[in-house]
């Protein structure tokens, strides 16, 4: 699936991770979850090497339910470090990119943006998704490539 992408950036809109995750899919309008996504999502879910907690399962279910609605979604996910907020964000991002939408993951620091780039890159290695890092250190030339 070429052309779908996840971009990491510092800013205000998109998905903000740590210590809270903020989902804002206003720019994406509505995401319609097609039946074939259940099969694709199952492969992505199976690729996760840990057992989800009941809170993660509930949160993922609620996010996917919200993403299927026509109205824009705003959601904050709170949790301590190491409690799986990033995996929850990845599940939502996976569904979005497979619905031909672009995802932006926002982080409050360049260091955290790089950490999430590594996490997403490892997690999405078996799936055809373009993942890029966009920070204040990114050259103007590379920024233009990422924007396209």
C-alpha atoms as a PDB file:
ATOM      1  CA  UNK A   1       0.000   0.000   0.000  1.00  0.00           C
ATOM      2  CA  UNK A   2       2.174   2.878  -1.247  1.00  0.00           C
ATOM      3  CA  UNK A   3       1.588   6.472  -0.352  1.00  0.00           C
ATOM      4  CA  UNK A   4       0.269   6.073   3.180  1.00  0.00           C
ATOM      5  CA  UNK A   5       2.442   7.652   5.792  1.00  0.00           C
ATOM      6  CA  UNK A   6       3.001   8.475   9.412  1.00  0.00           C
ATOM      7  CA  UNK A   7       4.940  11.635  10.150  1.00  0.00           C
ATOM      8  CA  UNK A   8       6.472  12.656  13.428  1.00  0.00           C
ATOM      9  CA  UNK A   9       6.570  16.333  14.276  1.00  0.00           C
ATOM     10  CA  UNK A  10       6.464  18.932  17.011  1.00  0.00           C
ATOM     11  CA  UNK A  11       3.256  20.940  16.955  1.00  0.00           C
ATOM     12  CA  UNK A  12      -0.391  21.228  17.957  1.00  0.00           C
ATOM     13  CA  UNK A  13      -2.517  18.977  15.734  1.00  0.00           C
ATOM     14  CA  UNK A  14      -2.500  15.251  15.250  1.00  0.00           C
ATOM     15  CA  UNK A  15      -1.546  12.657  17.793  1.00  0.00           C
ATOM     16  CA  UNK A  16       0.402  13.805  20.863  1.00  0.00           C
ATOM     17  CA  UNK A  17       2.141  11.092  22.812  1.00  0.00           C
ATOM     18  CA  UNK A  18       3.510  10.999  26.386  1.00  0.00           C
ATOM     19  CA  UNK A  19       2.539  11.295  29.113  1.00  0.00           C
ATOM     20  CA  UNK A  20      -0.847  11.812  27.475  1.00  0.00           C
ATOM     21  CA  UNK A  21      -1.926  10.722  24.046  1.00  0.00           C
ATOM     22  CA  UNK A  22      -4.172  13.164  22.266  1.00  0.00           C
ATOM     23  CA  UNK A  23      -5.976  12.000  19.134  1.00  0.00           C
ATOM     24  CA  UNK A  24      -7.253  14.754  16.886  1.00  0.00           C
ATOM     25  CA  UNK A  25      -8.449  13.500  13.543  1.00  0.00           C
ATOM     26  CA  UNK A  26     -10.209  16.731  12.517  1.00  0.00           C
ATOM     27  CA  UNK A  27      -8.039  16.976   9.402  1.00  0.00           C
ATOM     28  CA  UNK A  28      -8.822  13.388   8.510  1.00  0.00           C
ATOM     29  CA  UNK A  29     -12.577  14.037   8.581  1.00  0.00           C
ATOM     30  CA  UNK A  30     -14.228  10.658   8.917  1.00  0.00           C
ATOM     31  CA  UNK A  31     -12.508   7.314   8.697  1.00  0.00           C
ATOM     32  CA  UNK A  32     -14.745   4.559   7.472  1.00  0.00           C
ATOM     33  CA  UNK A  33     -13.628   1.146   8.642  1.00  0.00           C
ATOM     34  CA  UNK A  34     -14.189  -1.261   5.783  1.00  0.00           C
ATOM     35  CA  UNK A  35     -14.638  -4.993   6.402  1.00  0.00           C
ATOM     36  CA  UNK A  36     -11.263  -5.800   4.805  1.00  0.00           C
ATOM     37  CA  UNK A  37      -9.540  -3.740   7.525  1.00  0.00           C
ATOM     38  CA  UNK A  38     -10.566  -6.344  10.078  1.00  0.00           C
ATOM     39  CA  UNK A  39      -8.377  -8.894   8.295  1.00  0.00           C
ATOM     40  CA  UNK A  40      -5.468  -6.471   7.858  1.00  0.00           C
ATOM     41  CA  UNK A  41      -5.828  -5.251  11.433  1.00  0.00           C
ATOM     42  CA  UNK A  42      -5.785  -8.836  12.664  1.00  0.00           C
ATOM     43  CA  UNK A  43      -2.354  -9.342  11.057  1.00  0.00           C
ATOM     44  CA  UNK A  44      -1.092  -6.138  12.706  1.00  0.00           C
ATOM     45  CA  UNK A  45      -2.553  -7.162  16.065  1.00  0.00           C
ATOM     46  CA  UNK A  46      -0.990 -10.618  15.803  1.00  0.00           C
ATOM     47  CA  UNK A  47       2.405  -8.991  15.194  1.00  0.00           C
ATOM     48  CA  UNK A  48       2.326  -7.494  18.729  1.00  0.00           C
ATOM     49  CA  UNK A  49       4.526  -9.594  21.006  1.00  0.00           C
ATOM     50  CA  UNK A  50       2.774  -8.732  24.289  1.00  0.00           C
ATOM     51  CA  UNK A  51      -0.663  -9.372  25.743  1.00  0.00           C
ATOM     52  CA  UNK A  52      -2.858  -6.268  25.801  1.00  0.00           C
ATOM     53  CA  UNK A  53      -4.248  -5.145  29.146  1.00  0.00           C
ATOM     54  CA  UNK A  54      -8.011  -4.861  29.548  1.00  0.00           C
ATOM     55  CA  UNK A  55      -7.630  -1.052  29.636  1.00  0.00           C
ATOM     56  CA  UNK A  56      -5.767  -1.124  26.310  1.00  0.00           C
ATOM     57  CA  UNK A  57      -8.411  -3.366  24.750  1.00  0.00           C
ATOM     58  CA  UNK A  58     -11.202  -1.048  25.933  1.00  0.00           C
ATOM     59  CA  UNK A  59      -9.330   2.045  24.764  1.00  0.00           C
ATOM     60  CA  UNK A  60      -8.578   0.583  21.315  1.00  0.00           C
ATOM     61  CA  UNK A  61     -12.202  -0.504  20.936  1.00  0.00           C
ATOM     62  CA  UNK A  62     -13.436   2.992  21.855  1.00  0.00           C
ATOM     63  CA  UNK A  63     -10.984   4.672  19.481  1.00  0.00           C
ATOM     64  CA  UNK A  64     -11.942   2.434  16.568  1.00  0.00           C
ATOM     65  CA  UNK A  65     -15.607   3.049  17.337  1.00  0.00           C
ATOM     66  CA  UNK A  66     -14.987   6.830  17.301  1.00  0.00           C
ATOM     67  CA  UNK A  67     -12.982   6.581  14.081  1.00  0.00           C
ATOM     68  CA  UNK A  68     -15.912   4.885  12.370  1.00  0.00           C
ATOM     69  CA  UNK A  69     -18.175   7.845  13.086  1.00  0.00           C
ATOM     70  CA  UNK A  70     -18.707  10.702  10.648  1.00  0.00           C
ATOM     71  CA  UNK A  71     -17.934  13.399  13.222  1.00  0.00           C
ATOM     72  CA  UNK A  72     -14.308  14.315  14.058  1.00  0.00           C
ATOM     73  CA  UNK A  73     -12.742  12.598  17.037  1.00  0.00           C
ATOM     74  CA  UNK A  74     -10.862  14.126  19.971  1.00  0.00           C
ATOM     75  CA  UNK A  75      -9.603  11.784  22.642  1.00  0.00           C
ATOM     76  CA  UNK A  76      -7.004  11.968  25.418  1.00  0.00           C
ATOM     77  CA  UNK A  77      -5.374   8.793  26.709  1.00  0.00           C
ATOM     78  CA  UNK A  78      -3.615   9.109  30.052  1.00  0.00           C
ATOM     79  CA  UNK A  79      -1.220   6.639  31.597  1.00  0.00           C
ATOM     80  CA  UNK A  80       2.133   6.225  33.254  1.00  0.00           C
ATOM     81  CA  UNK A  81       5.297   5.473  31.303  1.00  0.00           C
ATOM     82  CA  UNK A  82       5.342   1.892  30.059  1.00  0.00           C
ATOM     83  CA  UNK A  83       1.594   1.245  30.177  1.00  0.00           C
ATOM     84  CA  UNK A  84       1.064   0.900  26.416  1.00  0.00           C
ATOM     85  CA  UNK A  85      -0.177   4.292  25.202  1.00  0.00           C
ATOM     86  CA  UNK A  86       2.079   4.073  22.157  1.00  0.00           C
ATOM     87  CA  UNK A  87       0.651   0.688  21.122  1.00  0.00           C
ATOM     88  CA  UNK A  88      -2.843   2.126  21.385  1.00  0.00           C
ATOM     89  CA  UNK A  89      -1.765   5.037  19.147  1.00  0.00           C
ATOM     90  CA  UNK A  90      -0.194   2.606  16.676  1.00  0.00           C
ATOM     91  CA  UNK A  91      -3.444   0.631  16.384  1.00  0.00           C
ATOM     92  CA  UNK A  92      -5.360   3.810  15.561  1.00  0.00           C
ATOM     93  CA  UNK A  93      -2.653   4.944  13.142  1.00  0.00           C
ATOM     94  CA  UNK A  94      -2.692   1.557  11.428  1.00  0.00           C
ATOM     95  CA  UNK A  95      -6.422   1.732  10.799  1.00  0.00           C
ATOM     96  CA  UNK A  96      -6.113   5.337   9.569  1.00  0.00           C
ATOM     97  CA  UNK A  97      -3.331   4.649   7.050  1.00  0.00           C
ATOM     98  CA  UNK A  98      -5.160   1.589   5.774  1.00  0.00           C
ATOM     99  CA  UNK A  99      -8.170   3.837   5.198  1.00  0.00           C
ATOM    100  CA  UNK A 100      -5.851   5.915   2.950  1.00  0.00           C
ATOM    101  CA  UNK A 101      -5.438   8.699   5.526  1.00  0.00           C
ATOM    102  CA  UNK A 102      -2.279  10.417   6.674  1.00  0.00           C
ATOM    103  CA  UNK A 103      -1.322  10.329  10.349  1.00  0.00           C
ATOM    104  CA  UNK A 104       0.783  12.866  12.195  1.00  0.00           C
ATOM    105  CA  UNK A 105       2.226  11.903  15.567  1.00  0.00           C
ATOM    106  CA  UNK A 106       3.246  14.902  17.654  1.00  0.00           C
ATOM    107  CA  UNK A 107       5.785  14.808  20.448  1.00  0.00           C
ATOM    108  CA  UNK A 108       6.801  17.584  22.860  1.00  0.00           C
ATOM    109  CA  UNK A 109      10.531  17.083  22.231  1.00  0.00           C
ATOM    110  CA  UNK A 110      12.871  16.041  19.446  1.00  0.00           C
ATOM    111  CA  UNK A 111      14.222  13.212  21.594  1.00  0.00           C
ATOM    112  CA  UNK A 112      10.744  11.761  22.156  1.00  0.00           C
ATOM    113  CA  UNK A 113       9.891  12.208  18.458  1.00  0.00           C
ATOM    114  CA  UNK A 114      12.984  10.130  17.574  1.00  0.00           C
ATOM    115  CA  UNK A 115      12.038   7.468  20.132  1.00  0.00           C
ATOM    116  CA  UNK A 116       8.551   7.195  18.666  1.00  0.00           C
ATOM    117  CA  UNK A 117       9.985   7.090  15.152  1.00  0.00           C
ATOM    118  CA  UNK A 118      12.027   4.042  16.206  1.00  0.00           C
ATOM    119  CA  UNK A 119       9.029   2.417  17.911  1.00  0.00           C
ATOM    120  CA  UNK A 120       6.713   2.973  14.940  1.00  0.00           C
ATOM    121  CA  UNK A 121       9.373   1.888  12.440  1.00  0.00           C
ATOM    122  CA  UNK A 122       9.930  -1.390  14.306  1.00  0.00           C
ATOM    123  CA  UNK A 123       6.208  -2.002  14.784  1.00  0.00           C
ATOM    124  CA  UNK A 124       5.295  -1.267  11.142  1.00  0.00           C
ATOM    125  CA  UNK A 125       8.270  -3.132   9.614  1.00  0.00           C
ATOM    126  CA  UNK A 126       6.042  -5.844   8.092  1.00  0.00           C
ATOM    127  CA  UNK A 127       3.552  -3.369   6.624  1.00  0.00           C
ATOM    128  CA  UNK A 128       3.940  -0.985   3.647  1.00  0.00           C
ATOM    129  CA  UNK A 129       3.760   2.319   5.505  1.00  0.00           C
ATOM    130  CA  UNK A 130       6.094   5.297   4.986  1.00  0.00           C
ATOM    131  CA  UNK A 131       7.295   6.692   8.300  1.00  0.00           C
ATOM    132  CA  UNK A 132       9.206   9.980   8.449  1.00  0.00           C
ATOM    133  CA  UNK A 133      10.656  12.257  11.129  1.00  0.00           C
ATOM    134  CA  UNK A 134      10.028  15.996  10.915  1.00  0.00           C
ATOM    135  CA  UNK A 135      11.649  18.222  13.559  1.00  0.00           C
ATOM    136  CA  UNK A 136      13.285  21.632  13.748  1.00  0.00           C
ATOM    137  CA  UNK A 137      16.528  19.884  12.737  1.00  0.00           C
ATOM    138  CA  UNK A 138      15.081  18.650   9.428  1.00  0.00           C
ATOM    139  CA  UNK A 139      16.510  20.565   6.459  1.00  0.00           C
ATOM    140  CA  UNK A 140      14.184  22.635   4.279  1.00  0.00           C
ATOM    141  CA  UNK A 141      14.860  20.316   1.344  1.00  0.00           C
ATOM    142  CA  UNK A 142      13.895  17.223   3.358  1.00  0.00           C
ATOM    143  CA  UNK A 143      10.844  19.002   4.790  1.00  0.00           C
ATOM    144  CA  UNK A 144       9.523  19.534   1.265  1.00  0.00           C
ATOM    145  CA  UNK A 145      10.041  15.837   0.467  1.00  0.00           C
ATOM    146  CA  UNK A 146       8.187  14.835   3.628  1.00  0.00           C
ATOM    147  CA  UNK A 147       5.309  17.231   2.916  1.00  0.00           C
ATOM    148  CA  UNK A 148       4.789  15.598  -0.492  1.00  0.00           C
END
